[in-house]
Amino acid sequence: MFGHWLDKILKGAANIQRWQGRVTICKNNDSGHMWAVSVIADGLARWEMEKFNNTVDVELLLKKCIFHDCLEVETGDILSGVKRKTKAMSDAIENVEEILYEERIKDIIPPTWRDEYKGYLLDPKDGKKTIEGKIVALADNISALYECIQEVKLGNRSFEPYLSEIARDILSIDLESGKYFMKHALCDFGLPIEAYGEEVVQFVNSYDKE
């Protein structure tokens, strides 16, 4: 049974291409994305604990990151903007994911793991109600932003509108590590801060935590 689970997830995630329906220069897949989200989340968690004196369950966080897009082996990559277009769309996708989990995923997960893994697969961000869920959401956005930055730097201007859209999403998440990232790390990616829109420029100029 564990072998069936590994075969489905490892092979499936490696074959799910990111940015469904978009012309991309870099060919990113879900395997690489979930690894990137895990690396980013680890750094954000360290900031939350060391700089902002918050408690983070790092083991739980990294498990959520590792598995957060595994259901896409059944659904394919659905762009966040599409998922969130309307509440009806969000609810419909959640319903489809629940059905696919029950019909195609649950039975290949070892029985004693199922209750735990169901949460990682169906609700890794906890509705942004926990600090771990918020960090998953933040790291997911930062990974997507990084992918967009690479496209823009290589001349793919169709990704320019996503820069400000995702940057605003990052700022909307109630985490100090996200704000700290925007002030102190975003500039390391090689684009001028103006590329992310006026809201980000104003934030960066006003944020004063070192």
N, C-alpha and C. Protein backbone atom coordinates (compact mmCIF):
# COMPACT_ATOMS: atom_id res chain seq x y z
N MET A 1 0.83 -1.21 0.00
CA MET A 1 0.00 0.00 0.00
C MET A 1 0.86 1.26 0.00
N PHE A 2 1.88 1.31 0.85
CA PHE A 2 2.76 2.48 0.89
C PHE A 2 3.44 2.69 -0.46
N GLY A 3 3.79 1.58 -1.11
CA GLY A 3 4.41 1.69 -2.42
C GLY A 3 3.48 2.30 -3.45
N HIS A 4 2.19 1.95 -3.39
CA HIS A 4 1.21 2.53 -4.32
C HIS A 4 1.09 4.04 -4.08
N TRP A 5 1.09 4.42 -2.79
CA TRP A 5 1.01 5.85 -2.43
C TRP A 5 2.23 6.60 -2.98
N LEU A 6 3.41 6.04 -2.77
CA LEU A 6 4.63 6.69 -3.26
C LEU A 6 4.62 6.80 -4.78
N ASP A 7 4.24 5.72 -5.45
CA ASP A 7 4.23 5.72 -6.91
C ASP A 7 3.29 6.79 -7.45
N LYS A 8 2.13 6.90 -6.86
CA LYS A 8 1.15 7.88 -7.34
C LYS A 8 1.62 9.31 -7.11
N ILE A 9 2.10 9.59 -5.89
CA ILE A 9 2.46 10.96 -5.54
C ILE A 9 3.78 11.38 -6.19
N LEU A 10 4.80 10.55 -6.11
CA LEU A 10 6.10 10.94 -6.65
C LEU A 10 6.05 11.09 -8.17
N LYS A 11 5.46 10.12 -8.83
CA LYS A 11 5.37 10.19 -10.29
C LYS A 11 4.38 11.26 -10.73
N GLY A 12 3.24 11.31 -10.03
CA GLY A 12 2.21 12.26 -10.42
C GLY A 12 2.64 13.70 -10.26
N ALA A 13 3.22 14.04 -9.10
CA ALA A 13 3.62 15.42 -8.84
C ALA A 13 4.71 15.89 -9.79
N ALA A 14 5.58 14.98 -10.18
CA ALA A 14 6.66 15.34 -11.12
C ALA A 14 6.13 15.64 -12.51
N ASN A 15 4.93 15.16 -12.81
CA ASN A 15 4.36 15.34 -14.14
C ASN A 15 3.27 16.41 -14.22
N ILE A 16 2.97 17.05 -13.09
CA ILE A 16 1.99 18.13 -13.09
C ILE A 16 2.73 19.44 -13.31
N GLN A 17 2.51 20.07 -14.44
CA GLN A 17 3.18 21.32 -14.76
C GLN A 17 2.47 22.49 -14.10
N ARG A 18 3.25 23.42 -13.63
CA ARG A 18 2.72 24.64 -13.01
C ARG A 18 2.23 25.61 -14.10
N TRP A 19 1.36 26.53 -13.70
CA TRP A 19 0.85 27.59 -14.57
C TRP A 19 0.10 27.03 -15.78
N GLN A 20 -0.87 26.19 -15.46
CA GLN A 20 -1.70 25.54 -16.47
C GLN A 20 -2.25 26.56 -17.47
N GLY A 21 -2.03 26.29 -18.75
CA GLY A 21 -2.57 27.14 -19.80
C GLY A 21 -1.78 28.39 -20.09
N ARG A 22 -0.68 28.62 -19.36
CA ARG A 22 0.16 29.79 -19.60
C ARG A 22 1.43 29.38 -20.33
N VAL A 23 1.91 30.24 -21.21
CA VAL A 23 3.17 29.99 -21.90
C VAL A 23 4.31 30.36 -20.95
N THR A 24 5.15 29.40 -20.62
CA THR A 24 6.25 29.64 -19.69
C THR A 24 7.58 29.28 -20.33
N ILE A 25 8.62 29.96 -19.88
CA ILE A 25 9.98 29.64 -20.31
C ILE A 25 10.57 28.57 -19.38
N CYS A 26 10.41 28.78 -18.08
CA CYS A 26 10.85 27.79 -17.09
C CYS A 26 9.74 26.75 -16.91
N LYS A 27 10.10 25.50 -16.93
CA LYS A 27 9.11 24.44 -16.80
C LYS A 27 9.13 23.91 -15.36
N ASN A 28 8.27 24.50 -14.55
CA ASN A 28 8.18 24.10 -13.15
C ASN A 28 7.10 23.05 -12.96
N ASN A 29 7.35 22.11 -12.05
CA ASN A 29 6.34 21.10 -11.75
C ASN A 29 5.98 21.11 -10.27
N ASP A 30 4.96 20.34 -9.91
CA ASP A 30 4.49 20.35 -8.52
C ASP A 30 5.52 19.81 -7.54
N SER A 31 6.33 18.85 -7.96
CA SER A 31 7.37 18.32 -7.06
C SER A 31 8.32 19.43 -6.64
N GLY A 32 8.82 20.18 -7.61
CA GLY A 32 9.74 21.27 -7.31
C GLY A 32 9.07 22.36 -6.49
N HIS A 33 7.81 22.64 -6.81
CA HIS A 33 7.09 23.68 -6.08
C HIS A 33 6.90 23.31 -4.62
N MET A 34 6.50 22.07 -4.35
CA MET A 34 6.28 21.67 -2.95
C MET A 34 7.58 21.68 -2.16
N TRP A 35 8.68 21.32 -2.81
CA TRP A 35 9.99 21.42 -2.14
C TRP A 35 10.32 22.88 -1.86
N ALA A 36 10.09 23.76 -2.85
CA ALA A 36 10.38 25.18 -2.66
C ALA A 36 9.55 25.76 -1.52
N VAL A 37 8.27 25.42 -1.48
CA VAL A 37 7.40 25.92 -0.42
C VAL A 37 7.91 25.46 0.95
N SER A 38 8.41 24.24 1.03
CA SER A 38 8.94 23.73 2.30
C SER A 38 10.18 24.50 2.74
N VAL A 39 11.08 24.78 1.80
CA VAL A 39 12.30 25.53 2.12
C VAL A 39 11.95 26.95 2.56
N ILE A 40 11.05 27.59 1.82
CA ILE A 40 10.64 28.95 2.16
C ILE A 40 9.96 28.98 3.53
N ALA A 41 9.08 28.02 3.77
CA ALA A 41 8.35 27.98 5.04
C ALA A 41 9.28 27.79 6.23
N ASP A 42 10.32 26.99 6.05
CA ASP A 42 11.29 26.81 7.13
C ASP A 42 11.92 28.14 7.52
N GLY A 43 12.30 28.93 6.53
CA GLY A 43 12.89 30.24 6.82
C GLY A 43 11.90 31.19 7.47
N LEU A 44 10.67 31.20 6.97
CA LEU A 44 9.64 32.06 7.57
C LEU A 44 9.37 31.67 9.02
N ALA A 45 9.34 30.37 9.28
CA ALA A 45 9.10 29.90 10.65
C ALA A 45 10.23 30.35 11.58
N ARG A 46 11.45 30.30 11.08
CA ARG A 46 12.58 30.75 11.91
C ARG A 46 12.44 32.23 12.25
N TRP A 47 12.06 33.04 11.27
CA TRP A 47 11.82 34.45 11.55
C TRP A 47 10.72 34.63 12.59
N GLU A 48 9.61 33.90 12.41
CA GLU A 48 8.50 34.02 13.36
C GLU A 48 8.95 33.70 14.79
N MET A 49 9.78 32.67 14.93
CA MET A 49 10.21 32.25 16.26
C MET A 49 11.33 33.13 16.81
N GLU A 50 12.32 33.45 15.98
CA GLU A 50 13.52 34.12 16.46
C GLU A 50 13.37 35.64 16.51
N LYS A 51 12.65 36.22 15.55
CA LYS A 51 12.53 37.68 15.50
C LYS A 51 11.24 38.18 16.15
N PHE A 52 10.18 37.38 16.05
CA PHE A 52 8.87 37.88 16.47
C PHE A 52 8.26 37.10 17.63
N ASN A 53 9.07 36.19 18.21
CA ASN A 53 8.69 35.49 19.45
C ASN A 53 7.36 34.74 19.36
N ASN A 54 7.11 34.15 18.21
CA ASN A 54 5.92 33.33 18.04
C ASN A 54 6.28 31.85 18.10
N THR A 55 5.34 31.03 18.48
CA THR A 55 5.54 29.58 18.55
C THR A 55 5.04 28.94 17.26
N VAL A 56 5.88 28.12 16.65
CA VAL A 56 5.52 27.42 15.42
C VAL A 56 5.84 25.94 15.59
N ASP A 57 4.89 25.08 15.24
CA ASP A 57 5.14 23.64 15.21
C ASP A 57 5.77 23.33 13.86
N VAL A 58 7.09 23.31 13.82
CA VAL A 58 7.81 23.20 12.55
C VAL A 58 7.57 21.84 11.89
N GLU A 59 7.50 20.79 12.69
CA GLU A 59 7.24 19.47 12.10
C GLU A 59 5.89 19.45 11.39
N LEU A 60 4.86 19.96 12.05
CA LEU A 60 3.53 20.03 11.44
C LEU A 60 3.56 20.92 10.19
N LEU A 61 4.23 22.06 10.30
CA LEU A 61 4.32 22.99 9.18
C LEU A 61 4.92 22.32 7.95
N LEU A 62 6.05 21.65 8.13
CA LEU A 62 6.73 21.06 6.98
C LEU A 62 5.94 19.90 6.38
N LYS A 63 5.22 19.15 7.21
CA LYS A 63 4.35 18.11 6.66
C LYS A 63 3.26 18.73 5.79
N LYS A 64 2.69 19.83 6.26
CA LYS A 64 1.67 20.51 5.47
C LYS A 64 2.24 20.99 4.13
N CYS A 65 3.44 21.53 4.17
CA CYS A 65 4.08 22.03 2.94
C CYS A 65 4.37 20.90 1.96
N ILE A 66 4.93 19.82 2.48
CA ILE A 66 5.33 18.70 1.63
C ILE A 66 4.14 18.13 0.85
N PHE A 67 2.97 18.13 1.48
CA PHE A 67 1.80 17.48 0.87
C PHE A 67 0.76 18.46 0.32
N HIS A 68 1.01 19.77 0.39
CA HIS A 68 -0.09 20.72 0.20
C HIS A 68 -0.71 20.70 -1.19
N ASP A 69 0.02 20.29 -2.21
CA ASP A 69 -0.54 20.24 -3.57
C ASP A 69 -0.66 18.82 -4.11
N CYS A 70 -0.58 17.83 -3.25
CA CYS A 70 -0.60 16.44 -3.73
C CYS A 70 -1.89 16.06 -4.44
N LEU A 71 -3.01 16.69 -4.07
CA LEU A 71 -4.27 16.36 -4.75
C LEU A 71 -4.26 16.77 -6.22
N GLU A 72 -3.31 17.62 -6.60
CA GLU A 72 -3.23 18.01 -8.00
C GLU A 72 -2.82 16.86 -8.91
N VAL A 73 -2.37 15.75 -8.34
CA VAL A 73 -2.13 14.57 -9.18
C VAL A 73 -3.45 14.08 -9.77
N GLU A 74 -4.56 14.49 -9.18
CA GLU A 74 -5.88 14.15 -9.72
C GLU A 74 -6.54 15.33 -10.42
N THR A 75 -6.38 16.54 -9.89
CA THR A 75 -7.08 17.70 -10.45
C THR A 75 -6.27 18.44 -11.50
N GLY A 76 -4.95 18.25 -11.50
CA GLY A 76 -4.10 19.12 -12.29
C GLY A 76 -3.93 20.46 -11.59
N ASP A 77 -3.11 21.33 -12.14
CA ASP A 77 -2.86 22.64 -11.54
C ASP A 77 -4.01 23.57 -11.86
N ILE A 78 -4.67 24.07 -10.82
CA ILE A 78 -5.75 25.05 -11.00
C ILE A 78 -5.23 26.38 -10.46
N LEU A 79 -5.16 27.39 -11.31
CA LEU A 79 -4.59 28.67 -10.90
C LEU A 79 -5.39 29.27 -9.75
N SER A 80 -4.67 29.89 -8.82
CA SER A 80 -5.31 30.46 -7.63
C SER A 80 -6.38 31.47 -7.99
N GLY A 81 -6.12 32.28 -9.01
CA GLY A 81 -7.11 33.27 -9.43
C GLY A 81 -8.40 32.64 -9.91
N VAL A 82 -8.30 31.47 -10.50
CA VAL A 82 -9.50 30.73 -10.93
C VAL A 82 -10.21 30.15 -9.72
N LYS A 83 -9.44 29.54 -8.81
CA LYS A 83 -10.04 28.94 -7.61
C LYS A 83 -10.84 29.96 -6.82
N ARG A 84 -10.33 31.18 -6.74
CA ARG A 84 -10.93 32.19 -5.86
C ARG A 84 -11.82 33.17 -6.60
N LYS A 85 -12.11 32.90 -7.87
CA LYS A 85 -12.88 33.85 -8.68
C LYS A 85 -14.21 34.18 -8.03
N THR A 86 -14.91 33.17 -7.58
CA THR A 86 -16.16 33.35 -6.84
C THR A 86 -16.20 32.33 -5.71
N LYS A 87 -17.05 32.59 -4.72
CA LYS A 87 -17.20 31.62 -3.63
C LYS A 87 -17.75 30.31 -4.16
N ALA A 88 -18.65 30.41 -5.14
CA ALA A 88 -19.22 29.19 -5.72
C ALA A 88 -18.13 28.34 -6.36
N MET A 89 -17.18 28.99 -7.04
CA MET A 89 -16.08 28.26 -7.65
C MET A 89 -15.21 27.60 -6.58
N SER A 90 -14.87 28.35 -5.54
CA SER A 90 -14.06 27.80 -4.45
C SER A 90 -14.74 26.60 -3.80
N ASP A 91 -16.03 26.74 -3.54
CA ASP A 91 -16.78 25.65 -2.91
C ASP A 91 -16.84 24.43 -3.81
N ALA A 92 -17.02 24.66 -5.12
CA ALA A 92 -17.11 23.55 -6.07
C ALA A 92 -15.79 22.79 -6.14
N ILE A 93 -14.68 23.52 -6.17
CA ILE A 93 -13.37 22.88 -6.24
C ILE A 93 -13.09 22.09 -4.96
N GLU A 94 -13.44 22.66 -3.81
CA GLU A 94 -13.27 21.93 -2.55
C GLU A 94 -14.09 20.65 -2.54
N ASN A 95 -15.29 20.71 -3.09
CA ASN A 95 -16.14 19.52 -3.15
C ASN A 95 -15.53 18.45 -4.06
N VAL A 96 -15.02 18.88 -5.21
CA VAL A 96 -14.37 17.94 -6.13
C VAL A 96 -13.15 17.31 -5.48
N GLU A 97 -12.35 18.12 -4.78
CA GLU A 97 -11.16 17.58 -4.12
C GLU A 97 -11.53 16.54 -3.07
N GLU A 98 -12.59 16.81 -2.32
CA GLU A 98 -13.04 15.85 -1.30
C GLU A 98 -13.46 14.53 -1.95
N ILE A 99 -14.18 14.62 -3.06
CA ILE A 99 -14.62 13.42 -3.76
C ILE A 99 -13.42 12.63 -4.29
N LEU A 100 -12.48 13.34 -4.92
CA LEU A 100 -11.31 12.67 -5.48
C LEU A 100 -10.45 12.03 -4.39
N TYR A 101 -10.35 12.71 -3.25
CA TYR A 101 -9.61 12.11 -2.13
C TYR A 101 -10.26 10.79 -1.72
N GLU A 102 -11.57 10.80 -1.55
CA GLU A 102 -12.28 9.60 -1.10
C GLU A 102 -12.21 8.48 -2.13
N GLU A 103 -12.31 8.83 -3.42
CA GLU A 103 -12.40 7.81 -4.46
C GLU A 103 -11.05 7.30 -4.95
N ARG A 104 -10.02 8.16 -4.93
CA ARG A 104 -8.78 7.79 -5.61
C ARG A 104 -7.52 7.84 -4.75
N ILE A 105 -7.60 8.48 -3.60
CA ILE A 105 -6.40 8.67 -2.79
C ILE A 105 -6.46 7.89 -1.48
N LYS A 106 -7.56 7.98 -0.78
CA LYS A 106 -7.64 7.46 0.59
C LYS A 106 -7.21 6.00 0.69
N ASP A 107 -7.65 5.18 -0.23
CA ASP A 107 -7.42 3.74 -0.10
C ASP A 107 -5.97 3.32 -0.33
N ILE A 108 -5.13 4.22 -0.87
CA ILE A 108 -3.72 3.86 -1.03
C ILE A 108 -2.84 4.43 0.08
N ILE A 109 -3.45 5.17 1.00
CA ILE A 109 -2.73 5.66 2.19
C ILE A 109 -2.88 4.60 3.28
N PRO A 110 -1.80 4.20 3.93
CA PRO A 110 -1.93 3.23 5.03
C PRO A 110 -3.01 3.66 6.02
N PRO A 111 -3.88 2.75 6.44
CA PRO A 111 -5.06 3.11 7.24
C PRO A 111 -4.78 3.95 8.47
N THR A 112 -3.70 3.65 9.19
CA THR A 112 -3.43 4.39 10.43
C THR A 112 -2.94 5.80 10.17
N TRP A 113 -2.61 6.13 8.91
CA TRP A 113 -2.14 7.48 8.56
C TRP A 113 -3.26 8.37 8.03
N ARG A 114 -4.40 7.79 7.70
CA ARG A 114 -5.39 8.49 6.89
C ARG A 114 -5.95 9.75 7.53
N ASP A 115 -6.29 9.69 8.80
CA ASP A 115 -6.87 10.87 9.45
C ASP A 115 -5.90 12.04 9.41
N GLU A 116 -4.63 11.76 9.68
CA GLU A 116 -3.62 12.82 9.68
C GLU A 116 -3.39 13.35 8.26
N TYR A 117 -3.23 12.46 7.31
CA TYR A 117 -2.91 12.88 5.94
C TYR A 117 -4.07 13.61 5.28
N LYS A 118 -5.29 13.26 5.64
CA LYS A 118 -6.44 13.94 5.03
C LYS A 118 -6.36 15.44 5.24
N GLY A 119 -5.97 15.85 6.44
CA GLY A 119 -5.82 17.28 6.71
C GLY A 119 -4.73 17.92 5.88
N TYR A 120 -3.60 17.23 5.72
CA TYR A 120 -2.51 17.77 4.91
C TYR A 120 -2.93 17.95 3.45
N LEU A 121 -3.74 17.03 2.96
CA LEU A 121 -4.11 17.04 1.55
C LEU A 121 -5.28 17.98 1.25
N LEU A 122 -6.28 18.00 2.14
CA LEU A 122 -7.49 18.76 1.85
C LEU A 122 -7.50 20.16 2.45
N ASP A 123 -6.80 20.38 3.54
CA ASP A 123 -6.83 21.71 4.17
C ASP A 123 -5.48 22.05 4.79
N PRO A 124 -4.42 22.07 3.99
CA PRO A 124 -3.09 22.32 4.55
C PRO A 124 -2.93 23.73 5.11
N LYS A 125 -3.78 24.66 4.66
CA LYS A 125 -3.64 26.05 5.13
C LYS A 125 -4.59 26.37 6.28
N ASP A 126 -5.37 25.39 6.72
CA ASP A 126 -6.25 25.55 7.89
C ASP A 126 -7.16 26.78 7.78
N GLY A 127 -7.49 27.17 6.56
CA GLY A 127 -8.27 28.40 6.42
C GLY A 127 -7.56 29.62 6.96
N LYS A 128 -6.23 29.55 7.05
CA LYS A 128 -5.39 30.62 7.61
C LYS A 128 -5.78 30.96 9.05
N LYS A 129 -6.22 29.94 9.79
CA LYS A 129 -6.62 30.16 11.18
C LYS A 129 -5.51 29.84 12.17
N THR A 130 -4.48 29.13 11.73
CA THR A 130 -3.34 28.80 12.59
C THR A 130 -2.08 29.43 12.01
N ILE A 131 -1.07 29.59 12.84
CA ILE A 131 0.16 30.18 12.32
C ILE A 131 0.81 29.26 11.29
N GLU A 132 0.69 27.95 11.49
CA GLU A 132 1.25 27.01 10.51
C GLU A 132 0.52 27.13 9.17
N GLY A 133 -0.81 27.21 9.22
CA GLY A 133 -1.57 27.37 7.98
C GLY A 133 -1.26 28.67 7.27
N LYS A 134 -1.09 29.74 8.03
CA LYS A 134 -0.74 31.03 7.44
C LYS A 134 0.63 30.96 6.77
N ILE A 135 1.58 30.28 7.41
CA ILE A 135 2.92 30.18 6.83
C ILE A 135 2.88 29.37 5.54
N VAL A 136 2.09 28.30 5.50
CA VAL A 136 1.95 27.54 4.26
C VAL A 136 1.43 28.45 3.15
N ALA A 137 0.39 29.22 3.45
CA ALA A 137 -0.18 30.13 2.46
C ALA A 137 0.84 31.17 2.00
N LEU A 138 1.58 31.71 2.95
CA LEU A 138 2.59 32.71 2.63
C LEU A 138 3.71 32.12 1.78
N ALA A 139 4.21 30.97 2.17
CA ALA A 139 5.29 30.32 1.41
C ALA A 139 4.82 29.93 0.01
N ASP A 140 3.58 29.50 -0.10
CA ASP A 140 2.99 29.15 -1.40
C ASP A 140 2.99 30.37 -2.32
N ASN A 141 2.60 31.51 -1.77
CA ASN A 141 2.60 32.74 -2.56
C ASN A 141 4.01 33.19 -2.93
N ILE A 142 4.93 33.08 -2.00
CA ILE A 142 6.31 33.50 -2.30
C ILE A 142 6.91 32.62 -3.38
N SER A 143 6.64 31.32 -3.33
CA SER A 143 7.12 30.42 -4.38
C SER A 143 6.55 30.80 -5.73
N ALA A 144 5.24 31.09 -5.77
CA ALA A 144 4.61 31.50 -7.03
C ALA A 144 5.20 32.82 -7.52
N LEU A 145 5.43 33.75 -6.60
CA LEU A 145 6.02 35.03 -6.98
C LEU A 145 7.42 34.83 -7.56
N TYR A 146 8.20 33.97 -6.94
CA TYR A 146 9.55 33.69 -7.43
C TYR A 146 9.51 33.13 -8.85
N GLU A 147 8.56 32.23 -9.11
CA GLU A 147 8.43 31.67 -10.46
C GLU A 147 8.09 32.76 -11.46
N CYS A 148 7.21 33.68 -11.07
CA CYS A 148 6.85 34.80 -11.95
C CYS A 148 8.05 35.70 -12.22
N ILE A 149 8.82 35.96 -11.18
CA ILE A 149 10.01 36.80 -11.33
C ILE A 149 10.97 36.20 -12.34
N GLN A 150 11.18 34.90 -12.26
CA GLN A 150 12.09 34.24 -13.21
C GLN A 150 11.58 34.38 -14.64
N GLU A 151 10.28 34.25 -14.83
CA GLU A 151 9.71 34.42 -16.17
C GLU A 151 9.94 35.84 -16.69
N VAL A 152 9.67 36.82 -15.85
CA VAL A 152 9.83 38.23 -16.25
C VAL A 152 11.28 38.53 -16.57
N LYS A 153 12.19 38.04 -15.76
CA LYS A 153 13.62 38.30 -15.98
C LYS A 153 14.11 37.67 -17.29
N LEU A 154 13.43 36.62 -17.73
CA LEU A 154 13.79 35.97 -18.99
C LEU A 154 13.04 36.56 -20.19
N GLY A 155 12.25 37.60 -19.93
CA GLY A 155 11.59 38.30 -21.03
C GLY A 155 10.14 37.94 -21.25
N ASN A 156 9.55 37.11 -20.40
CA ASN A 156 8.15 36.72 -20.56
C ASN A 156 7.26 37.75 -19.88
N ARG A 157 6.88 38.78 -20.62
CA ARG A 157 6.15 39.90 -20.04
C ARG A 157 4.71 39.55 -19.67
N SER A 158 4.22 38.42 -20.14
CA SER A 158 2.85 38.03 -19.79
C SER A 158 2.71 37.76 -18.30
N PHE A 159 3.84 37.57 -17.60
CA PHE A 159 3.79 37.32 -16.16
C PHE A 159 3.91 38.60 -15.33
N GLU A 160 4.11 39.74 -15.96
CA GLU A 160 4.26 40.98 -15.20
C GLU A 160 3.05 41.31 -14.33
N PRO A 161 1.81 41.14 -14.83
CA PRO A 161 0.66 41.47 -13.96
C PRO A 161 0.58 40.63 -12.69
N TYR A 162 1.14 39.43 -12.73
CA TYR A 162 1.08 38.57 -11.55
C TYR A 162 1.97 39.09 -10.42
N LEU A 163 2.98 39.88 -10.76
CA LEU A 163 3.91 40.37 -9.73
C LEU A 163 3.17 41.17 -8.67
N SER A 164 2.39 42.16 -9.10
CA SER A 164 1.68 42.99 -8.13
C SER A 164 0.53 42.23 -7.48
N GLU A 165 -0.12 41.36 -8.25
CA GLU A 165 -1.25 40.58 -7.70
C GLU A 165 -0.79 39.68 -6.56
N ILE A 166 0.29 38.93 -6.79
CA ILE A 166 0.76 38.01 -5.75
C ILE A 166 1.40 38.77 -4.60
N ALA A 167 2.10 39.86 -4.90
CA ALA A 167 2.70 40.67 -3.84
C ALA A 167 1.63 41.21 -2.89
N ARG A 168 0.50 41.63 -3.45
CA ARG A 168 -0.60 42.10 -2.59
C ARG A 168 -1.15 40.95 -1.74
N ASP A 169 -1.22 39.76 -2.32
CA ASP A 169 -1.68 38.60 -1.55
C ASP A 169 -0.74 38.33 -0.37
N ILE A 170 0.55 38.48 -0.61
CA ILE A 170 1.53 38.27 0.46
C ILE A 170 1.31 39.27 1.60
N LEU A 171 1.11 40.52 1.24
CA LEU A 171 0.91 41.55 2.26
C LEU A 171 -0.40 41.37 3.01
N SER A 172 -1.36 40.70 2.39
CA SER A 172 -2.67 40.52 3.03
C SER A 172 -2.66 39.45 4.12
N ILE A 173 -1.63 38.62 4.16
CA ILE A 173 -1.55 37.55 5.15
C ILE A 173 -0.99 38.12 6.46
N ASP A 174 -1.68 37.88 7.53
CA ASP A 174 -1.35 38.49 8.82
C ASP A 174 -0.18 37.75 9.49
N LEU A 175 1.01 37.98 8.95
CA LEU A 175 2.23 37.39 9.51
C LEU A 175 3.36 38.41 9.42
N GLU A 176 4.07 38.60 10.51
CA GLU A 176 5.20 39.51 10.50
C GLU A 176 6.30 39.04 9.54
N SER A 177 6.47 37.72 9.43
CA SER A 177 7.52 37.21 8.54
C SER A 177 7.27 37.59 7.09
N GLY A 178 6.00 37.68 6.70
CA GLY A 178 5.69 38.10 5.34
C GLY A 178 6.05 39.54 5.08
N LYS A 179 5.75 40.38 6.03
CA LYS A 179 6.10 41.80 5.91
C LYS A 179 7.62 41.97 5.91
N TYR A 180 8.28 41.21 6.78
CA TYR A 180 9.74 41.28 6.86
C TYR A 180 10.36 40.82 5.54
N PHE A 181 9.80 39.78 4.96
CA PHE A 181 10.28 39.29 3.67
C PHE A 181 10.16 40.38 2.61
N MET A 182 9.02 41.02 2.55
CA MET A 182 8.80 42.04 1.51
C MET A 182 9.79 43.20 1.65
N LYS A 183 10.11 43.55 2.87
CA LYS A 183 11.04 44.65 3.10
C LYS A 183 12.49 44.25 2.84
N HIS A 184 12.90 43.08 3.33
CA HIS A 184 14.32 42.76 3.39
C HIS A 184 14.79 41.68 2.42
N ALA A 185 13.90 40.92 1.81
CA ALA A 185 14.33 39.82 0.94
C ALA A 185 13.88 39.96 -0.50
N LEU A 186 12.75 40.60 -0.73
CA LEU A 186 12.21 40.70 -2.09
C LEU A 186 13.21 41.33 -3.05
N CYS A 187 13.94 42.33 -2.57
CA CYS A 187 14.90 43.03 -3.42
C CYS A 187 16.03 42.12 -3.89
N ASP A 188 16.27 41.02 -3.19
CA ASP A 188 17.35 40.10 -3.57
C ASP A 188 17.04 39.35 -4.87
N PHE A 189 15.79 39.35 -5.30
CA PHE A 189 15.40 38.59 -6.49
C PHE A 189 15.71 39.32 -7.80
N GLY A 190 16.16 40.57 -7.72
CA GLY A 190 16.72 41.21 -8.90
C GLY A 190 15.81 42.09 -9.72
N LEU A 191 14.57 42.31 -9.29
CA LEU A 191 13.70 43.26 -9.99
C LEU A 191 13.55 44.52 -9.14
N PRO A 192 13.38 45.68 -9.77
CA PRO A 192 13.15 46.89 -8.99
C PRO A 192 11.84 46.79 -8.22
N ILE A 193 11.79 47.38 -7.06
CA ILE A 193 10.61 47.26 -6.21
C ILE A 193 9.37 47.80 -6.91
N GLU A 194 9.56 48.74 -7.84
CA GLU A 194 8.44 49.32 -8.57
C GLU A 194 7.70 48.29 -9.42
N ALA A 195 8.37 47.19 -9.75
CA ALA A 195 7.75 46.15 -10.58
C ALA A 195 6.57 45.50 -9.88
N TYR A 196 6.51 45.62 -8.55
CA TYR A 196 5.46 44.95 -7.78
C TYR A 196 4.27 45.85 -7.47
N GLY A 197 4.29 47.07 -7.98
CA GLY A 197 3.15 47.95 -7.82
C GLY A 197 3.30 48.97 -6.71
N GLU A 198 2.47 50.00 -6.79
CA GLU A 198 2.57 51.13 -5.88
C GLU A 198 2.30 50.74 -4.43
N GLU A 199 1.37 49.81 -4.21
CA GLU A 199 1.07 49.39 -2.83
C GLU A 199 2.30 48.80 -2.16
N VAL A 200 3.07 48.01 -2.90
CA VAL A 200 4.28 47.41 -2.34
C VAL A 200 5.34 48.47 -2.11
N VAL A 201 5.48 49.40 -3.05
CA VAL A 201 6.46 50.49 -2.89
C VAL A 201 6.16 51.26 -1.61
N GLN A 202 4.91 51.62 -1.40
CA GLN A 202 4.53 52.38 -0.21
C GLN A 202 4.80 51.57 1.06
N PHE A 203 4.50 50.28 1.01
CA PHE A 203 4.75 49.45 2.19
C PHE A 203 6.23 49.39 2.52
N VAL A 204 7.05 49.09 1.52
CA VAL A 204 8.49 48.94 1.73
C VAL A 204 9.09 50.24 2.28
N ASN A 205 8.62 51.36 1.79
CA ASN A 205 9.14 52.65 2.25
C ASN A 205 8.71 52.99 3.67
N SER A 206 7.62 52.38 4.13
CA SER A 206 7.10 52.72 5.46
C SER A 206 7.47 51.70 6.54
N TYR A 207 7.85 50.49 6.14
CA TYR A 207 8.15 49.43 7.11
C TYR A 207 9.52 49.69 7.73
N ASP A 208 9.59 49.68 9.05
CA ASP A 208 10.83 50.12 9.71
C ASP A 208 11.47 49.08 10.63
N LYS A 209 11.02 47.80 10.56
CA LYS A 209 11.63 46.79 11.43
C LYS A 209 12.87 46.21 10.78
N GLU A 210 13.96 46.16 11.55
CA GLU A 210 15.22 45.63 11.04
C GLU A 210 15.45 44.21 11.54
